[in-house]
Amino acid sequence: MMPEDEPFYGTWPKCGEIDIMELLGHETDKIYGTIHFGEPHKESQGTYTLPEGQTFADDFHVYSIEWEPGEIRWYIDGKLYHVANDWYSRDPYLADDYTYPAPFDQNFFLILNISVGGGWPGYPDETTVFPQQMVVDYVRVYQKSKYPHREKPAKEEMKPREPLGDGNYIYNGGFDVDDSAAVGVEGVPYTSYWTFLTASGGAATVNVEEGVMHVQIENGGTTDYGVQLLQAPIHLEKGAKYKASFDMKAENPRQVKLKIGGDGDRGWKDYAAIPPFDVSTEMTNYEFEFTMKDDTDVKARFEFNMGLNNNDVWIDNVKLIKTENAPVIDPSEIARPPLLSGNYIYNGTFDQGPNRMGFWNFVVDGTAKVHTILEAMLMSADLKQE
């Protein structure tokens, strides 16, 4: 589903998108329910997988959502499998998010289609079967007479993971720790604290050989993250400086992408912005320095992205060290800057923050009557911004 008036909150993904059901051609037993939103792009996604041996092509199924202000619920054959209630919409020229539950507070239209290719499922190859069809029995839409009112969920504070005694923010950077209490790559010893993923057609396995991580790549896939080794959560402090270092070699000369960035809640943003670098067949030490310019992130990701290439990679001695603390700044000494538009008035359009009144103080004298409609409030009370 897409909004009828897409430019109202801005182009995708700021405008919002609701995916009632998506199914990938190479995963015929699994469906996805998703919303897209934010700037940068974020999503909330749930999945449902049929029992082993079944596919969604075997029979008709009922795919549905319940969409209320502040909450969307996904069902398959009446079974709830995902709930989303934490989202936002924001324009970079504004001071705050549009008032919740934007952007999912407008009319959307339905889309039924079959797509081919793309970065998510990968592009057609010799295994792709054509022709294909989607058979739809019915589409029904109902509307409730009234809806519950929901506030935006409060964010829970996450305690940062402290660096090791030597200052390294990477745990088990030498691939010599096998801690049963720490999550690692399933079935692979000495991978504690690390996660290994494949996507977009990537196919690979990992093994630790004499303290060195060996990534054995059968197919690099169609994206750089098609083969990915990562560690999270990493605590990155705004304004602090960091140095990443590691030893690496490849089966044949190739490139690898190191991404130190946010997760889906941060729109997968790349904080370090390190370009893909060349890797030779000799074990070589690599170092990269960067300043964390974005807001502090206590659950950042340290990713080796090894897709787009079928040559194996070996990794060892991974480190991330803070080389300089963030400067200490007194908030009272920071002047409120103008918006990107040059406007010094925040929320002059009255569509941001709680009750669309973010940044405004609503002052009523003893004789004024308070109205719930904003236009009436402006006539019967004083609005101040300092």
Protein backbone atom coordinates (compact mmCIF):
# COMPACT_ATOMS: atom_id res chain seq x y z
CA MET A 1 0.00 0.00 0.00
CA MET A 2 1.21 3.50 -0.89
CA PRO A 3 -0.21 6.93 0.07
CA GLU A 4 -2.63 8.62 -2.31
CA ASP A 5 -0.88 11.96 -1.75
CA GLU A 6 2.74 10.81 -1.70
CA PRO A 7 4.33 14.31 -1.60
CA PHE A 8 2.33 15.25 1.52
CA TYR A 9 5.07 14.01 3.88
CA GLY A 10 7.71 13.73 1.17
CA THR A 11 8.92 11.12 -1.27
CA TRP A 12 9.56 7.51 -0.29
CA PRO A 13 10.33 6.46 2.39
CA LYS A 14 9.16 9.58 4.29
CA CYS A 15 5.67 9.12 2.83
CA GLY A 16 5.37 5.61 4.30
CA GLU A 17 4.66 2.22 2.72
CA ILE A 18 2.69 -0.74 4.08
CA ASP A 19 3.53 -4.19 2.68
CA ILE A 20 0.65 -6.46 3.66
CA MET A 21 2.41 -9.48 2.19
CA GLU A 22 5.61 -10.04 0.21
CA LEU A 23 6.98 -13.39 -0.92
CA LEU A 24 10.32 -14.04 -2.64
CA GLY A 25 10.54 -16.55 -5.47
CA HIS A 26 13.37 -18.50 -3.85
CA GLU A 27 11.60 -18.63 -0.44
CA THR A 28 8.18 -20.00 -1.32
CA ASP A 29 7.47 -21.06 2.28
CA LYS A 30 8.06 -17.62 3.84
CA ILE A 31 6.19 -14.30 3.77
CA TYR A 32 7.15 -10.83 4.99
CA GLY A 33 4.98 -8.07 6.48
CA THR A 34 6.67 -4.67 6.55
CA ILE A 35 6.28 -0.93 6.94
CA HIS A 36 8.81 1.50 5.45
CA PHE A 37 9.21 5.01 6.83
CA GLY A 38 11.71 7.61 8.03
CA GLU A 39 14.53 9.72 6.70
CA PRO A 40 16.92 7.92 6.40
CA HIS A 41 14.99 4.78 5.49
CA LYS A 42 13.84 2.52 8.31
CA GLU A 43 11.50 -0.42 8.49
CA SER A 44 9.63 -2.72 10.86
CA GLN A 45 9.35 -6.24 9.50
CA GLY A 46 7.91 -9.55 10.57
CA THR A 47 8.03 -12.97 8.90
CA TYR A 48 6.00 -16.17 8.90
CA THR A 49 7.29 -19.54 7.67
CA LEU A 50 5.06 -22.50 6.84
CA PRO A 51 5.75 -25.95 8.33
CA GLU A 52 8.48 -27.89 6.55
CA GLY A 53 7.51 -29.17 3.14
CA GLN A 54 4.72 -26.65 2.51
CA THR A 55 4.74 -23.63 0.20
CA PHE A 56 2.37 -20.72 -0.25
CA ALA A 57 1.69 -21.95 -3.80
CA ASP A 58 0.02 -25.12 -2.48
CA ASP A 59 -3.25 -23.47 -1.48
CA PHE A 60 -5.03 -20.16 -0.97
CA HIS A 61 -4.24 -18.22 2.21
CA VAL A 62 -5.79 -15.16 3.82
CA TYR A 63 -3.30 -12.30 4.23
CA SER A 64 -4.53 -9.37 6.29
CA ILE A 65 -3.61 -6.38 8.41
CA GLU A 66 -5.46 -4.45 11.10
CA TRP A 67 -4.47 -0.80 10.81
CA GLU A 68 -5.31 1.51 13.69
CA PRO A 69 -3.85 4.90 14.64
CA GLY A 70 -0.51 4.04 16.23
CA GLU A 71 -0.53 0.28 15.56
CA ILE A 72 -0.54 -2.08 12.57
CA ARG A 73 -0.94 -5.86 12.98
CA TRP A 74 -0.20 -8.56 10.40
CA TYR A 75 -2.06 -11.89 10.14
CA ILE A 76 -1.81 -15.05 8.06
CA ASP A 77 -4.96 -17.19 8.09
CA GLY A 78 -6.03 -15.38 11.25
CA LYS A 79 -2.69 -15.91 13.06
CA LEU A 80 -0.94 -12.78 14.31
CA TYR A 81 2.75 -12.74 13.36
CA HIS A 82 3.89 -9.10 13.53
CA VAL A 83 2.97 -5.84 15.30
CA ALA A 84 4.40 -2.39 14.49
CA ASN A 85 3.77 0.72 16.58
CA ASP A 86 7.05 2.64 16.59
CA TRP A 87 7.64 4.78 13.51
CA TYR A 88 8.01 8.39 12.43
CA SER A 89 8.16 10.74 9.47
CA ARG A 90 10.52 13.68 9.22
CA ASP A 91 11.57 16.32 6.74
CA PRO A 92 15.22 17.45 7.01
CA TYR A 93 14.04 21.06 6.72
CA LEU A 94 11.88 20.73 9.85
CA ALA A 95 12.86 20.79 13.50
CA ASP A 96 11.12 17.60 14.65
CA ASP A 97 9.17 14.58 13.50
CA TYR A 98 5.71 15.07 12.07
CA THR A 99 3.14 14.43 14.77
CA TYR A 100 2.65 10.70 15.45
CA PRO A 101 1.20 8.54 13.90
CA ALA A 102 2.46 10.20 10.69
CA PRO A 103 3.03 9.04 8.00
CA PHE A 104 0.40 6.34 8.61
CA ASP A 105 -2.41 8.84 9.21
CA GLN A 106 -3.44 9.38 5.59
CA ASN A 107 -5.26 7.53 2.82
CA PHE A 108 -3.35 4.70 1.09
CA PHE A 109 -4.18 2.71 -2.04
CA LEU A 110 -3.74 -1.01 -2.68
CA ILE A 111 -1.20 -2.56 -5.07
CA LEU A 112 -1.20 -6.19 -6.25
CA ASN A 113 1.75 -7.06 -8.45
CA ILE A 114 4.51 -9.49 -9.36
CA SER A 115 7.99 -7.93 -9.37
CA VAL A 116 11.09 -9.38 -11.04
CA GLY A 117 14.64 -8.82 -9.78
CA GLY A 118 15.87 -6.09 -7.48
CA GLY A 119 18.52 -5.84 -4.80
CA TRP A 120 16.55 -7.78 -2.18
CA PRO A 121 15.82 -11.11 -3.94
CA GLY A 122 18.56 -10.76 -6.54
CA TYR A 123 18.21 -10.82 -10.30
CA PRO A 124 16.91 -13.67 -12.49
CA ASP A 125 19.37 -16.40 -13.45
CA GLU A 126 19.27 -19.86 -15.01
CA THR A 127 17.27 -21.20 -12.04
CA THR A 128 14.46 -18.65 -12.44
CA VAL A 129 11.23 -20.19 -13.72
CA PHE A 130 8.95 -18.34 -16.14
CA PRO A 131 6.07 -17.79 -16.71
CA GLN A 132 4.75 -16.99 -13.24
CA GLN A 133 1.32 -15.93 -12.01
CA MET A 134 -0.39 -14.61 -8.89
CA VAL A 135 -3.98 -15.74 -8.32
CA VAL A 136 -6.19 -13.57 -6.09
CA ASP A 137 -9.64 -14.76 -5.00
CA TYR A 138 -10.87 -11.59 -3.29
CA VAL A 139 -9.85 -8.28 -1.69
CA ARG A 140 -11.93 -6.89 1.17
CA VAL A 141 -11.58 -3.66 3.15
CA TYR A 142 -13.49 -2.83 6.33
CA GLN A 143 -13.52 0.31 8.47
CA LYS A 144 -14.19 0.57 12.20
CA SER A 145 -16.59 3.17 13.55
CA LYS A 146 -14.08 4.31 16.19
CA TYR A 147 -10.43 3.79 17.04
CA PRO A 148 -8.30 3.70 20.20
CA HIS A 149 -5.91 6.57 20.84
CA ARG A 150 -2.26 5.56 21.23
CA GLU A 151 0.82 7.51 22.19
CA LYS A 152 4.15 6.87 20.54
CA PRO A 153 6.03 4.17 22.52
CA ALA A 154 8.73 5.49 24.82
CA LYS A 155 12.27 4.47 23.93
CA GLU A 156 13.99 2.16 26.40
CA GLU A 157 17.49 3.20 27.37
CA MET A 158 20.06 0.59 26.37
CA LYS A 159 23.19 0.28 28.49
CA PRO A 160 26.32 0.60 26.30
CA ARG A 161 28.63 -2.41 26.03
CA GLU A 162 31.95 -1.37 27.54
CA PRO A 163 35.25 -1.87 25.67
CA LEU A 164 37.66 -4.57 26.77
CA GLY A 165 40.52 -3.83 29.15
CA ASP A 166 42.84 -2.85 26.29
CA GLY A 167 40.28 -0.36 24.98
CA ASN A 168 39.12 -2.57 22.12
CA TYR A 169 35.40 -2.28 21.38
CA ILE A 170 35.55 -5.52 19.36
CA TYR A 171 35.13 -8.67 21.44
CA ASN A 172 37.03 -11.78 20.28
CA GLY A 173 38.87 -9.87 17.58
CA GLY A 174 41.51 -12.62 17.49
CA PHE A 175 38.97 -15.42 16.98
CA ASP A 176 40.31 -17.32 19.97
CA VAL A 177 37.34 -17.06 22.37
CA ASP A 178 34.74 -19.82 22.62
CA ASP A 179 32.31 -18.51 25.25
CA SER A 180 29.16 -20.60 25.60
CA ALA A 181 27.38 -17.61 27.16
CA ALA A 182 27.98 -15.44 24.09
CA VAL A 183 26.18 -15.82 20.78
CA GLY A 184 28.39 -16.80 17.85
CA VAL A 185 28.09 -18.45 14.46
CA GLU A 186 26.08 -21.61 15.01
CA GLY A 187 28.22 -24.72 14.92
CA VAL A 188 31.49 -22.84 14.40
CA PRO A 189 33.89 -22.75 17.41
CA TYR A 190 35.77 -19.57 18.36
CA THR A 191 33.22 -17.24 16.76
CA SER A 192 31.74 -15.88 20.00
CA TYR A 193 30.27 -12.36 19.62
CA TRP A 194 30.30 -12.56 15.82
CA THR A 195 27.37 -12.95 13.40
CA PHE A 196 27.63 -14.30 9.86
CA LEU A 197 24.95 -13.53 7.25
CA THR A 198 24.28 -14.06 3.56
CA ALA A 199 21.73 -12.23 1.41
CA SER A 200 20.93 -11.21 -2.18
CA GLY A 201 22.09 -14.50 -3.64
CA GLY A 202 25.21 -14.79 -1.48
CA ALA A 203 26.37 -18.27 -0.45
CA ALA A 204 29.29 -18.82 1.93
CA THR A 205 30.48 -20.52 5.11
CA VAL A 206 33.00 -19.61 7.81
CA ASN A 207 35.59 -21.51 9.79
CA VAL A 208 38.31 -20.52 12.26
CA GLU A 209 41.70 -21.96 11.31
CA GLU A 210 44.51 -21.51 13.87
CA GLY A 211 43.00 -18.28 15.17
CA VAL A 212 42.20 -16.84 11.74
CA MET A 213 38.66 -16.39 10.40
CA HIS A 214 38.30 -17.99 6.96
CA VAL A 215 35.28 -16.90 4.91
CA GLN A 216 34.73 -19.48 2.17
CA ILE A 217 32.65 -17.85 -0.57
CA GLU A 218 30.76 -19.91 -3.11
CA ASN A 219 28.75 -16.98 -4.49
CA GLY A 220 29.23 -13.32 -3.56
CA GLY A 221 25.66 -12.39 -4.47
CA THR A 222 24.47 -9.15 -6.05
CA THR A 223 25.20 -6.69 -3.20
CA ASP A 224 28.25 -5.92 -1.08
CA TYR A 225 26.41 -7.28 1.97
CA GLY A 226 25.66 -10.54 0.14
CA VAL A 227 28.35 -12.07 2.39
CA GLN A 228 28.70 -10.33 5.75
CA LEU A 229 30.60 -10.86 9.01
CA LEU A 230 29.54 -8.43 11.73
CA GLN A 231 29.65 -7.59 15.41
CA ALA A 232 27.15 -5.59 17.44
CA PRO A 233 26.33 -3.74 19.64
CA ILE A 234 29.21 -1.27 19.43
CA HIS A 235 29.11 1.98 21.44
CA LEU A 236 30.00 4.99 19.28
CA GLU A 237 29.94 8.42 20.94
CA LYS A 238 29.12 11.56 18.99
CA GLY A 239 32.22 13.72 18.51
CA ALA A 240 34.69 10.97 19.48
CA LYS A 241 37.43 9.73 17.15
CA TYR A 242 38.07 6.04 16.44
CA LYS A 243 40.58 3.82 14.66
CA ALA A 244 39.62 0.48 13.13
CA SER A 245 42.38 -2.01 12.32
CA PHE A 246 42.62 -5.65 11.25
CA ASP A 247 44.69 -8.13 9.26
CA MET A 248 43.22 -9.46 6.01
CA LYS A 249 44.08 -11.36 2.83
CA ALA A 250 42.13 -12.82 -0.08
CA GLU A 251 42.30 -15.89 -2.31
CA ASN A 252 42.82 -13.55 -5.28
CA PRO A 253 43.03 -9.74 -5.35
CA ARG A 254 39.61 -8.24 -4.66
CA GLN A 255 37.80 -5.48 -2.77
CA VAL A 256 36.06 -5.57 0.62
CA LYS A 257 33.81 -2.98 2.23
CA LEU A 258 34.17 -2.13 5.94
CA LYS A 259 31.01 -0.49 7.22
CA ILE A 260 30.75 0.92 10.74
CA GLY A 261 27.19 2.11 10.98
CA GLY A 262 23.72 1.91 12.44
CA ASP A 263 21.07 -0.79 12.37
CA GLY A 264 17.56 -0.50 10.99
CA ASP A 265 16.58 2.02 13.66
CA ARG A 266 19.27 4.32 12.24
CA GLY A 267 18.37 3.62 8.62
CA TRP A 268 21.50 1.44 8.17
CA LYS A 269 23.53 4.65 8.02
CA ASP A 270 27.27 4.36 7.35
CA TYR A 271 28.96 6.47 10.05
CA ALA A 272 32.56 5.94 8.98
CA ALA A 273 31.98 6.22 5.20
CA ILE A 274 35.05 4.10 4.39
CA PRO A 275 35.22 3.35 0.64
CA PRO A 276 35.75 -0.25 -0.53
CA PHE A 277 39.46 -1.11 -0.23
CA ASP A 278 41.77 -3.42 -2.16
CA VAL A 279 42.79 -6.70 -0.53
CA SER A 280 45.84 -8.66 -1.74
CA THR A 281 46.80 -12.30 -1.39
CA GLU A 282 49.29 -11.48 1.40
CA MET A 283 48.11 -11.00 4.99
CA THR A 284 48.21 -7.20 5.43
CA ASN A 285 47.30 -4.86 8.27
CA TYR A 286 44.68 -2.23 7.44
CA GLU A 287 43.85 0.89 9.48
CA PHE A 288 41.02 3.40 9.08
CA GLU A 289 40.24 6.44 11.24
CA PHE A 290 36.99 8.37 11.50
CA THR A 291 35.06 10.82 13.67
CA MET A 292 31.57 9.90 14.83
CA LYS A 293 29.58 12.86 13.50
CA ASP A 294 26.13 11.37 14.06
CA ASP A 295 24.27 11.12 17.35
CA THR A 296 25.67 8.63 19.85
CA ASP A 297 24.73 5.04 19.00
CA VAL A 298 24.99 2.33 21.65
CA LYS A 299 24.16 -0.48 19.22
CA ALA A 300 26.24 0.31 16.14
CA ARG A 301 27.43 -2.46 13.81
CA PHE A 302 30.98 -3.31 12.70
CA GLU A 303 30.58 -5.07 9.34
CA PHE A 304 32.91 -6.76 6.89
CA ASN A 305 30.92 -6.82 3.64
CA MET A 306 32.46 -9.35 1.26
CA GLY A 307 29.77 -9.75 -1.39
CA LEU A 308 29.99 -9.13 -5.16
CA ASN A 309 33.04 -11.42 -5.40
CA ASN A 310 33.59 -15.18 -5.12
CA ASN A 311 37.15 -15.11 -3.69
CA ASP A 312 37.70 -16.30 -0.11
CA VAL A 313 38.77 -13.88 2.63
CA TRP A 314 40.87 -14.40 5.79
CA ILE A 315 40.55 -12.00 8.78
CA ASP A 316 42.41 -11.64 12.09
CA ASN A 317 43.32 -9.16 14.88
CA VAL A 318 40.20 -6.99 14.55
CA LYS A 319 40.25 -3.84 16.68
CA LEU A 320 38.22 -0.68 17.16
CA ILE A 321 39.87 1.83 19.52
CA LYS A 322 38.69 5.25 20.64
CA THR A 323 41.62 7.58 19.97
CA GLU A 324 40.06 10.82 21.22
CA ASN A 325 37.12 11.50 23.51
CA ALA A 326 34.21 13.66 22.44
CA PRO A 327 34.57 17.33 23.43
CA VAL A 328 32.64 18.42 26.52
CA ILE A 329 30.11 21.11 25.61
CA ASP A 330 27.81 23.01 27.98
CA PRO A 331 24.30 22.76 26.43
CA SER A 332 23.39 26.20 27.81
CA GLU A 333 26.12 27.76 25.67
CA ILE A 334 24.76 26.31 22.42
CA ALA A 335 22.55 28.75 20.53
CA ARG A 336 19.57 27.21 18.78
CA PRO A 337 20.47 27.32 15.08
CA PRO A 338 18.03 28.25 12.33
CA LEU A 339 16.44 25.51 10.27
CA LEU A 340 17.95 24.55 6.94
CA SER A 341 15.41 26.88 5.34
CA GLY A 342 16.83 29.79 7.36
CA ASN A 343 13.71 30.03 9.54
CA TYR A 344 14.38 30.69 13.23
CA ILE A 345 10.83 29.63 14.17
CA TYR A 346 10.56 25.92 14.84
CA ASN A 347 7.28 24.20 13.88
CA GLY A 348 5.79 27.26 12.27
CA THR A 349 3.51 24.89 10.34
CA PHE A 350 2.02 23.32 13.52
CA ASP A 351 2.43 19.74 12.37
CA GLN A 352 5.30 18.51 14.55
CA GLY A 353 5.77 17.18 18.06
CA PRO A 354 3.10 16.17 20.60
CA ASN A 355 -0.39 17.36 19.60
CA ARG A 356 1.22 19.24 16.67
CA MET A 357 2.42 21.85 19.19
CA GLY A 358 6.11 21.00 19.47
CA PHE A 359 8.37 23.96 20.46
CA TRP A 360 5.38 26.18 21.35
CA ASN A 361 4.27 27.26 24.84
CA PHE A 362 0.49 27.62 25.13
CA VAL A 363 -0.39 30.38 27.61
CA VAL A 364 -4.04 31.08 28.57
CA ASP A 365 -5.22 33.94 30.78
CA GLY A 366 -7.94 33.52 33.37
CA THR A 367 -10.79 34.53 31.06
CA ALA A 368 -9.79 32.70 27.88
CA LYS A 369 -11.58 29.58 26.76
CA VAL A 370 -9.41 26.68 25.62
CA HIS A 371 -10.43 25.10 22.32
CA THR A 372 -9.23 21.81 20.94
CA ILE A 373 -8.98 23.04 17.38
CA LEU A 374 -5.67 24.72 16.64
CA GLU A 375 -7.17 27.60 14.66
CA ALA A 376 -9.42 28.45 17.59
CA MET A 377 -6.54 28.28 20.04
CA LEU A 378 -4.68 30.93 18.11
CA MET A 379 -7.64 33.30 18.55
CA SER A 380 -8.16 32.77 22.29
CA ALA A 381 -4.68 32.42 23.74
CA ASP A 382 -1.05 33.43 23.39
CA LEU A 383 1.51 31.20 21.72
CA LYS A 384 5.13 31.86 22.61
CA GLN A 385 8.44 30.46 21.41
CA GLU A 386 11.70 31.33 23.07
